[in-house]
N, C-alpha and C. Protein backbone atom coordinates (compact mmCIF):
# COMPACT_ATOMS: atom_id res chain seq x y z
N MET A 1 74.79 91.66 102.68
CA MET A 1 76.05 92.04 102.08
C MET A 1 77.11 92.05 103.17
N SER A 2 78.22 91.48 102.85
CA SER A 2 79.34 91.45 103.79
C SER A 2 79.88 92.85 103.99
N GLY A 3 80.29 93.17 105.19
CA GLY A 3 80.81 94.50 105.50
C GLY A 3 82.05 94.83 104.70
N ASN A 4 82.91 93.84 104.52
CA ASN A 4 84.14 94.06 103.77
C ASN A 4 83.85 94.40 102.31
N VAL A 5 82.96 93.66 101.68
CA VAL A 5 82.61 93.90 100.29
C VAL A 5 81.88 95.24 100.15
N GLY A 6 81.04 95.56 101.13
CA GLY A 6 80.34 96.85 101.11
C GLY A 6 81.30 98.02 101.17
N THR A 7 82.33 97.90 101.98
CA THR A 7 83.35 98.94 102.07
C THR A 7 84.10 99.08 100.76
N ILE A 8 84.42 97.96 100.16
CA ILE A 8 85.14 97.97 98.88
C ILE A 8 84.28 98.62 97.80
N ILE A 9 82.99 98.30 97.78
CA ILE A 9 82.08 98.88 96.79
C ILE A 9 82.01 100.40 96.94
N VAL A 10 81.91 100.85 98.18
CA VAL A 10 81.86 102.30 98.43
C VAL A 10 83.15 102.96 97.97
N LYS A 11 84.30 102.35 98.26
CA LYS A 11 85.59 102.92 97.86
C LYS A 11 85.76 102.93 96.34
N VAL A 12 85.34 101.86 95.69
CA VAL A 12 85.45 101.78 94.23
C VAL A 12 84.54 102.82 93.58
N ASN A 13 83.33 102.93 94.08
CA ASN A 13 82.40 103.94 93.53
C ASN A 13 82.94 105.35 93.72
N LYS A 14 83.50 105.63 94.89
CA LYS A 14 84.05 106.96 95.16
C LYS A 14 85.24 107.25 94.24
N ALA A 15 86.13 106.26 94.11
CA ALA A 15 87.32 106.45 93.26
C ALA A 15 86.92 106.65 91.80
N SER A 16 85.95 105.90 91.32
CA SER A 16 85.54 106.05 89.92
C SER A 16 84.77 107.35 89.70
N ASP A 17 84.02 107.81 90.72
CA ASP A 17 83.35 109.12 90.61
C ASP A 17 84.36 110.26 90.59
N ASP A 18 85.44 110.10 91.33
CA ASP A 18 86.48 111.12 91.37
C ASP A 18 87.47 110.99 90.22
N LEU A 19 87.19 110.07 89.30
CA LEU A 19 88.03 109.80 88.12
C LEU A 19 89.44 109.33 88.51
N GLU A 20 89.53 108.65 89.62
CA GLU A 20 90.79 108.04 90.05
C GLU A 20 90.75 106.57 89.65
N PHE A 21 90.87 106.33 88.35
CA PHE A 21 90.69 104.99 87.82
C PHE A 21 91.82 104.04 88.18
N VAL A 22 92.99 104.55 88.45
CA VAL A 22 94.11 103.69 88.83
C VAL A 22 93.83 103.03 90.18
N SER A 23 93.40 103.81 91.15
CA SER A 23 93.10 103.23 92.46
C SER A 23 91.85 102.36 92.39
N ALA A 24 90.86 102.78 91.59
CA ALA A 24 89.66 101.96 91.43
C ALA A 24 90.02 100.62 90.79
N ARG A 25 90.88 100.67 89.79
CA ARG A 25 91.27 99.43 89.12
C ARG A 25 92.03 98.49 90.05
N SER A 26 92.92 99.04 90.86
CA SER A 26 93.68 98.18 91.78
C SER A 26 92.76 97.52 92.80
N MET A 27 91.76 98.26 93.29
CA MET A 27 90.80 97.66 94.22
C MET A 27 89.95 96.61 93.52
N ILE A 28 89.55 96.89 92.28
CA ILE A 28 88.74 95.93 91.54
C ILE A 28 89.54 94.66 91.25
N GLU A 29 90.78 94.81 90.81
CA GLU A 29 91.60 93.64 90.50
C GLU A 29 91.84 92.78 91.73
N ALA A 30 91.98 93.41 92.89
CA ALA A 30 92.20 92.65 94.12
C ALA A 30 90.95 91.89 94.56
N ASN A 31 89.78 92.37 94.16
CA ASN A 31 88.52 91.77 94.59
C ASN A 31 87.62 91.42 93.41
N LEU A 32 88.21 91.04 92.30
CA LEU A 32 87.46 90.84 91.06
C LEU A 32 86.42 89.75 91.17
N LEU A 33 86.76 88.65 91.80
CA LEU A 33 85.80 87.54 91.89
C LEU A 33 84.54 87.94 92.65
N LYS A 34 84.72 88.64 93.75
CA LYS A 34 83.56 89.08 94.54
C LYS A 34 82.76 90.12 93.80
N LEU A 35 83.44 91.14 93.25
CA LEU A 35 82.75 92.26 92.62
C LEU A 35 82.06 91.88 91.32
N SER A 36 82.50 90.81 90.68
CA SER A 36 81.87 90.41 89.42
C SER A 36 80.61 89.57 89.65
N GLU A 37 80.34 89.19 90.90
CA GLU A 37 79.09 88.51 91.21
C GLU A 37 77.94 89.48 90.99
N ALA A 38 76.83 88.97 90.49
CA ALA A 38 75.70 89.82 90.11
C ALA A 38 75.17 90.67 91.26
N LYS A 39 75.10 90.08 92.45
CA LYS A 39 74.51 90.83 93.57
C LYS A 39 75.38 92.01 94.00
N TYR A 40 76.70 91.94 93.78
CA TYR A 40 77.58 93.06 94.10
C TYR A 40 77.80 93.96 92.91
N TYR A 41 77.81 93.37 91.72
CA TYR A 41 78.05 94.13 90.49
C TYR A 41 77.00 95.22 90.30
N ARG A 42 75.75 94.90 90.61
CA ARG A 42 74.68 95.88 90.40
C ARG A 42 74.77 97.05 91.37
N LEU A 43 75.54 96.92 92.46
CA LEU A 43 75.70 98.01 93.42
C LEU A 43 76.78 99.01 93.00
N LEU A 44 77.55 98.65 92.00
CA LEU A 44 78.61 99.55 91.52
C LEU A 44 78.02 100.60 90.58
N ASN A 45 78.64 101.76 90.52
CA ASN A 45 78.17 102.79 89.59
C ASN A 45 78.61 102.43 88.17
N THR A 46 78.15 103.19 87.21
CA THR A 46 78.37 102.88 85.80
C THR A 46 79.85 102.84 85.44
N ASN A 47 80.62 103.81 85.94
CA ASN A 47 82.06 103.83 85.64
C ASN A 47 82.75 102.58 86.16
N ALA A 48 82.41 102.15 87.36
CA ALA A 48 83.02 100.96 87.93
C ALA A 48 82.60 99.71 87.18
N GLN A 49 81.35 99.65 86.73
CA GLN A 49 80.90 98.49 85.96
C GLN A 49 81.64 98.39 84.63
N VAL A 50 81.83 99.52 83.97
CA VAL A 50 82.57 99.53 82.71
C VAL A 50 84.02 99.13 82.94
N LEU A 51 84.58 99.58 84.04
CA LEU A 51 85.96 99.23 84.37
C LEU A 51 86.09 97.73 84.62
N ILE A 52 85.12 97.13 85.29
CA ILE A 52 85.15 95.68 85.53
C ILE A 52 85.06 94.94 84.19
N LYS A 53 84.16 95.37 83.32
CA LYS A 53 84.04 94.72 82.00
C LYS A 53 85.36 94.81 81.24
N HIS A 54 86.01 95.96 81.32
CA HIS A 54 87.29 96.14 80.63
C HIS A 54 88.37 95.23 81.21
N ILE A 55 88.43 95.13 82.51
CA ILE A 55 89.44 94.29 83.17
C ILE A 55 89.22 92.83 82.81
N VAL A 56 87.98 92.38 82.82
CA VAL A 56 87.69 90.99 82.48
C VAL A 56 88.02 90.71 81.02
N ALA A 57 87.66 91.62 80.12
CA ALA A 57 87.96 91.44 78.70
C ALA A 57 89.46 91.44 78.45
N GLU A 58 90.18 92.33 79.16
CA GLU A 58 91.62 92.42 79.00
C GLU A 58 92.31 91.17 79.52
N SER A 59 91.80 90.60 80.59
CA SER A 59 92.44 89.40 81.16
C SER A 59 92.23 88.19 80.27
N LYS A 60 91.17 88.18 79.48
CA LYS A 60 90.93 87.07 78.58
C LYS A 60 91.74 87.18 77.30
N GLY A 61 92.21 88.38 76.99
CA GLY A 61 93.01 88.56 75.79
C GLY A 61 92.13 88.63 74.55
N HIS A 62 92.75 88.65 73.38
CA HIS A 62 92.03 88.80 72.13
C HIS A 62 91.33 87.51 71.72
N ASN A 63 91.92 86.37 72.01
CA ASN A 63 91.38 85.10 71.54
C ASN A 63 90.61 84.35 72.61
N GLY A 64 90.34 84.98 73.73
CA GLY A 64 89.65 84.30 74.80
C GLY A 64 90.61 83.51 75.68
N THR A 65 91.88 83.62 75.43
CA THR A 65 92.87 82.94 76.25
C THR A 65 93.38 83.90 77.31
N ASN A 66 94.05 83.38 78.29
CA ASN A 66 94.56 84.21 79.37
C ASN A 66 96.01 84.59 79.14
N LYS A 67 96.37 84.92 77.92
CA LYS A 67 97.74 85.30 77.61
C LYS A 67 97.85 86.82 77.59
N GLN A 68 98.75 87.34 78.39
CA GLN A 68 99.00 88.76 78.40
C GLN A 68 100.49 89.00 78.33
N LEU A 69 100.85 90.10 77.73
CA LEU A 69 102.25 90.47 77.67
C LEU A 69 102.59 91.32 78.88
N THR A 70 103.79 91.14 79.38
CA THR A 70 104.24 91.95 80.51
C THR A 70 104.65 93.33 80.00
N ARG A 71 104.85 94.22 80.93
CA ARG A 71 105.27 95.58 80.56
C ARG A 71 106.61 95.55 79.84
N THR A 72 107.52 94.71 80.31
CA THR A 72 108.83 94.60 79.67
C THR A 72 108.70 94.11 78.23
N GLU A 73 107.83 93.13 78.02
CA GLU A 73 107.62 92.62 76.67
C GLU A 73 107.01 93.69 75.76
N LEU A 74 106.07 94.47 76.30
CA LEU A 74 105.48 95.55 75.51
C LEU A 74 106.52 96.61 75.14
N LEU A 75 107.41 96.91 76.07
CA LEU A 75 108.48 97.86 75.78
C LEU A 75 109.43 97.32 74.72
N THR A 76 109.69 96.03 74.76
CA THR A 76 110.56 95.40 73.76
C THR A 76 109.90 95.47 72.38
N VAL A 77 108.61 95.20 72.31
CA VAL A 77 107.89 95.29 71.03
C VAL A 77 107.93 96.73 70.52
N ASN A 78 107.79 97.69 71.41
CA ASN A 78 107.86 99.09 71.03
C ASN A 78 109.23 99.43 70.44
N LYS A 79 110.29 98.92 71.07
CA LYS A 79 111.65 99.15 70.57
C LYS A 79 111.86 98.48 69.21
N ILE A 80 111.31 97.29 69.04
CA ILE A 80 111.41 96.59 67.75
C ILE A 80 110.74 97.43 66.66
N ASN A 81 109.56 97.96 66.96
CA ASN A 81 108.87 98.82 66.00
C ASN A 81 109.71 100.05 65.66
N GLU A 82 110.31 100.63 66.69
CA GLU A 82 111.13 101.83 66.48
C GLU A 82 112.36 101.51 65.62
N TYR A 83 113.04 100.41 65.92
CA TYR A 83 114.23 100.04 65.16
C TYR A 83 113.88 99.74 63.71
N CYS A 84 112.75 99.10 63.47
CA CYS A 84 112.34 98.80 62.10
C CYS A 84 111.95 100.06 61.35
N THR A 85 111.27 100.98 62.00
CA THR A 85 110.89 102.23 61.36
C THR A 85 112.13 103.04 60.98
N ASN A 86 113.12 103.06 61.87
CA ASN A 86 114.37 103.79 61.61
C ASN A 86 115.37 102.98 60.79
N PHE A 87 115.02 101.75 60.48
CA PHE A 87 115.87 100.82 59.73
C PHE A 87 117.22 100.64 60.42
N ASP A 88 117.19 100.50 61.73
CA ASP A 88 118.39 100.27 62.53
C ASP A 88 118.52 98.75 62.73
N ILE A 89 119.05 98.10 61.73
CA ILE A 89 119.10 96.64 61.70
C ILE A 89 120.03 96.08 62.78
N SER A 90 121.13 96.75 63.06
CA SER A 90 122.06 96.23 64.07
C SER A 90 121.40 96.18 65.45
N MET A 91 120.68 97.23 65.84
CA MET A 91 119.99 97.22 67.13
C MET A 91 118.82 96.23 67.11
N LEU A 92 118.17 96.09 65.96
CA LEU A 92 117.09 95.12 65.84
C LEU A 92 117.62 93.70 66.06
N LYS A 93 118.76 93.40 65.47
CA LYS A 93 119.36 92.07 65.64
C LYS A 93 119.74 91.82 67.09
N ARG A 94 120.29 92.83 67.75
CA ARG A 94 120.64 92.68 69.17
C ARG A 94 119.41 92.42 70.02
N THR A 95 118.35 93.14 69.72
CA THR A 95 117.11 92.97 70.47
C THR A 95 116.51 91.60 70.22
N LEU A 96 116.51 91.17 68.96
CA LEU A 96 115.95 89.86 68.62
C LEU A 96 116.77 88.72 69.20
N LYS A 97 118.05 88.94 69.39
CA LYS A 97 118.91 87.91 69.96
C LYS A 97 118.43 87.52 71.36
N ASN A 98 117.99 88.52 72.12
CA ASN A 98 117.54 88.28 73.49
C ASN A 98 116.05 87.99 73.60
N SER A 99 115.29 88.32 72.56
CA SER A 99 113.83 88.17 72.69
C SER A 99 113.21 87.58 71.43
N PHE A 100 113.83 86.58 70.87
CA PHE A 100 113.31 85.96 69.66
C PHE A 100 111.99 85.24 69.93
N GLU A 101 111.88 84.63 71.11
CA GLU A 101 110.64 83.91 71.46
C GLU A 101 109.46 84.87 71.57
N LEU A 102 109.73 86.10 71.97
CA LEU A 102 108.66 87.09 72.11
C LEU A 102 108.02 87.36 70.76
N VAL A 103 108.81 87.49 69.72
CA VAL A 103 108.28 87.79 68.39
C VAL A 103 107.46 86.62 67.86
N GLN A 104 107.72 85.43 68.35
CA GLN A 104 107.00 84.25 67.91
C GLN A 104 105.61 84.12 68.52
N LYS A 105 105.33 84.89 69.57
CA LYS A 105 104.02 84.81 70.22
C LYS A 105 102.95 85.41 69.32
N PRO A 106 101.81 84.74 69.20
CA PRO A 106 100.76 85.25 68.30
C PRO A 106 100.15 86.57 68.75
N GLU A 107 100.17 86.88 70.04
CA GLU A 107 99.60 88.13 70.51
C GLU A 107 100.48 89.33 70.22
N VAL A 108 101.71 89.10 69.74
CA VAL A 108 102.62 90.20 69.41
C VAL A 108 102.35 90.73 68.00
N LEU A 109 101.91 89.89 67.10
CA LEU A 109 101.73 90.28 65.71
C LEU A 109 100.85 91.52 65.52
N PRO A 110 99.71 91.64 66.20
CA PRO A 110 98.92 92.87 66.02
C PRO A 110 99.59 94.13 66.56
N LEU A 111 100.58 93.98 67.42
CA LEU A 111 101.27 95.13 68.00
C LEU A 111 102.40 95.64 67.12
N LEU A 112 102.80 94.87 66.15
CA LEU A 112 103.89 95.28 65.27
C LEU A 112 103.38 96.23 64.19
N ASN A 113 104.18 97.24 63.88
CA ASN A 113 103.80 98.15 62.79
C ASN A 113 104.14 97.50 61.45
N SER A 114 103.73 98.13 60.36
CA SER A 114 103.91 97.52 59.04
C SER A 114 105.38 97.34 58.69
N ASP A 115 106.23 98.30 59.07
CA ASP A 115 107.67 98.17 58.81
C ASP A 115 108.24 96.94 59.53
N ALA A 116 107.86 96.78 60.78
CA ALA A 116 108.36 95.65 61.56
C ALA A 116 107.88 94.33 60.98
N LYS A 117 106.63 94.28 60.55
CA LYS A 117 106.11 93.04 59.97
C LYS A 117 106.87 92.66 58.71
N ILE A 118 107.15 93.65 57.88
CA ILE A 118 107.86 93.37 56.63
C ILE A 118 109.30 92.94 56.90
N ILE A 119 110.01 93.68 57.74
CA ILE A 119 111.42 93.37 58.01
C ILE A 119 111.55 92.03 58.74
N LEU A 120 110.73 91.82 59.76
CA LEU A 120 110.81 90.56 60.51
C LEU A 120 110.41 89.38 59.64
N ASN A 121 109.46 89.56 58.76
CA ASN A 121 109.05 88.50 57.85
C ASN A 121 110.20 88.17 56.89
N ASP A 122 110.88 89.20 56.36
CA ASP A 122 112.01 88.98 55.47
C ASP A 122 113.19 88.32 56.19
N MET A 123 113.36 88.64 57.48
CA MET A 123 114.44 88.04 58.27
C MET A 123 114.11 86.61 58.68
N GLY A 124 112.85 86.21 58.54
CA GLY A 124 112.44 84.87 58.94
C GLY A 124 112.03 84.79 60.40
N ALA A 125 111.90 85.91 61.06
CA ALA A 125 111.54 85.91 62.47
C ALA A 125 110.06 85.64 62.68
N LEU A 126 109.25 85.87 61.67
CA LEU A 126 107.81 85.62 61.79
C LEU A 126 107.44 84.28 61.17
N LEU A 127 108.38 83.36 61.15
CA LEU A 127 108.17 82.05 60.56
C LEU A 127 106.99 81.36 61.24
N GLY A 128 106.08 80.87 60.46
CA GLY A 128 104.91 80.18 61.00
C GLY A 128 103.75 81.11 61.28
N MET A 129 103.96 82.42 61.18
CA MET A 129 102.88 83.37 61.41
C MET A 129 102.03 83.47 60.16
N GLN A 130 100.82 83.89 60.32
CA GLN A 130 99.89 84.04 59.21
C GLN A 130 99.93 85.45 58.65
N TYR A 131 101.11 86.00 58.41
CA TYR A 131 101.23 87.35 57.89
C TYR A 131 101.62 87.30 56.43
N GLN A 132 100.89 87.99 55.61
CA GLN A 132 101.20 88.09 54.19
C GLN A 132 101.52 89.54 53.88
N VAL A 133 102.61 89.79 53.19
CA VAL A 133 102.97 91.15 52.80
C VAL A 133 101.99 91.59 51.72
N GLN A 134 101.39 92.78 51.94
CA GLN A 134 100.37 93.26 51.00
C GLN A 134 100.88 94.44 50.24
């Protein structure tokens, strides 16, 4: 075992034992290729192994593709949901003016609440999406 990888494994195990998952995750993400190898993966504790599985699954996305939304995009989707719930159409239109392409992404549809799906579908913003009003 390489000394560098051994040190990383010890640090990740310690951080996950201490429930410091943010620091454990940052170390895992920086060394994901090495740590996901079987010979190193088995040296990690259970919490770290679960964290690696989560990071790998999250990076692949829902459809097995490597599409992820940025934090800014997630905040925009949250605001769209809020505006639709409050029926604030003027702010919704302003937001859609700057981020219309975001609403067209297929990974955004599961993040929209029912109000947003209905309003955006009626506005034509979900054109081409497989959403049916129920």
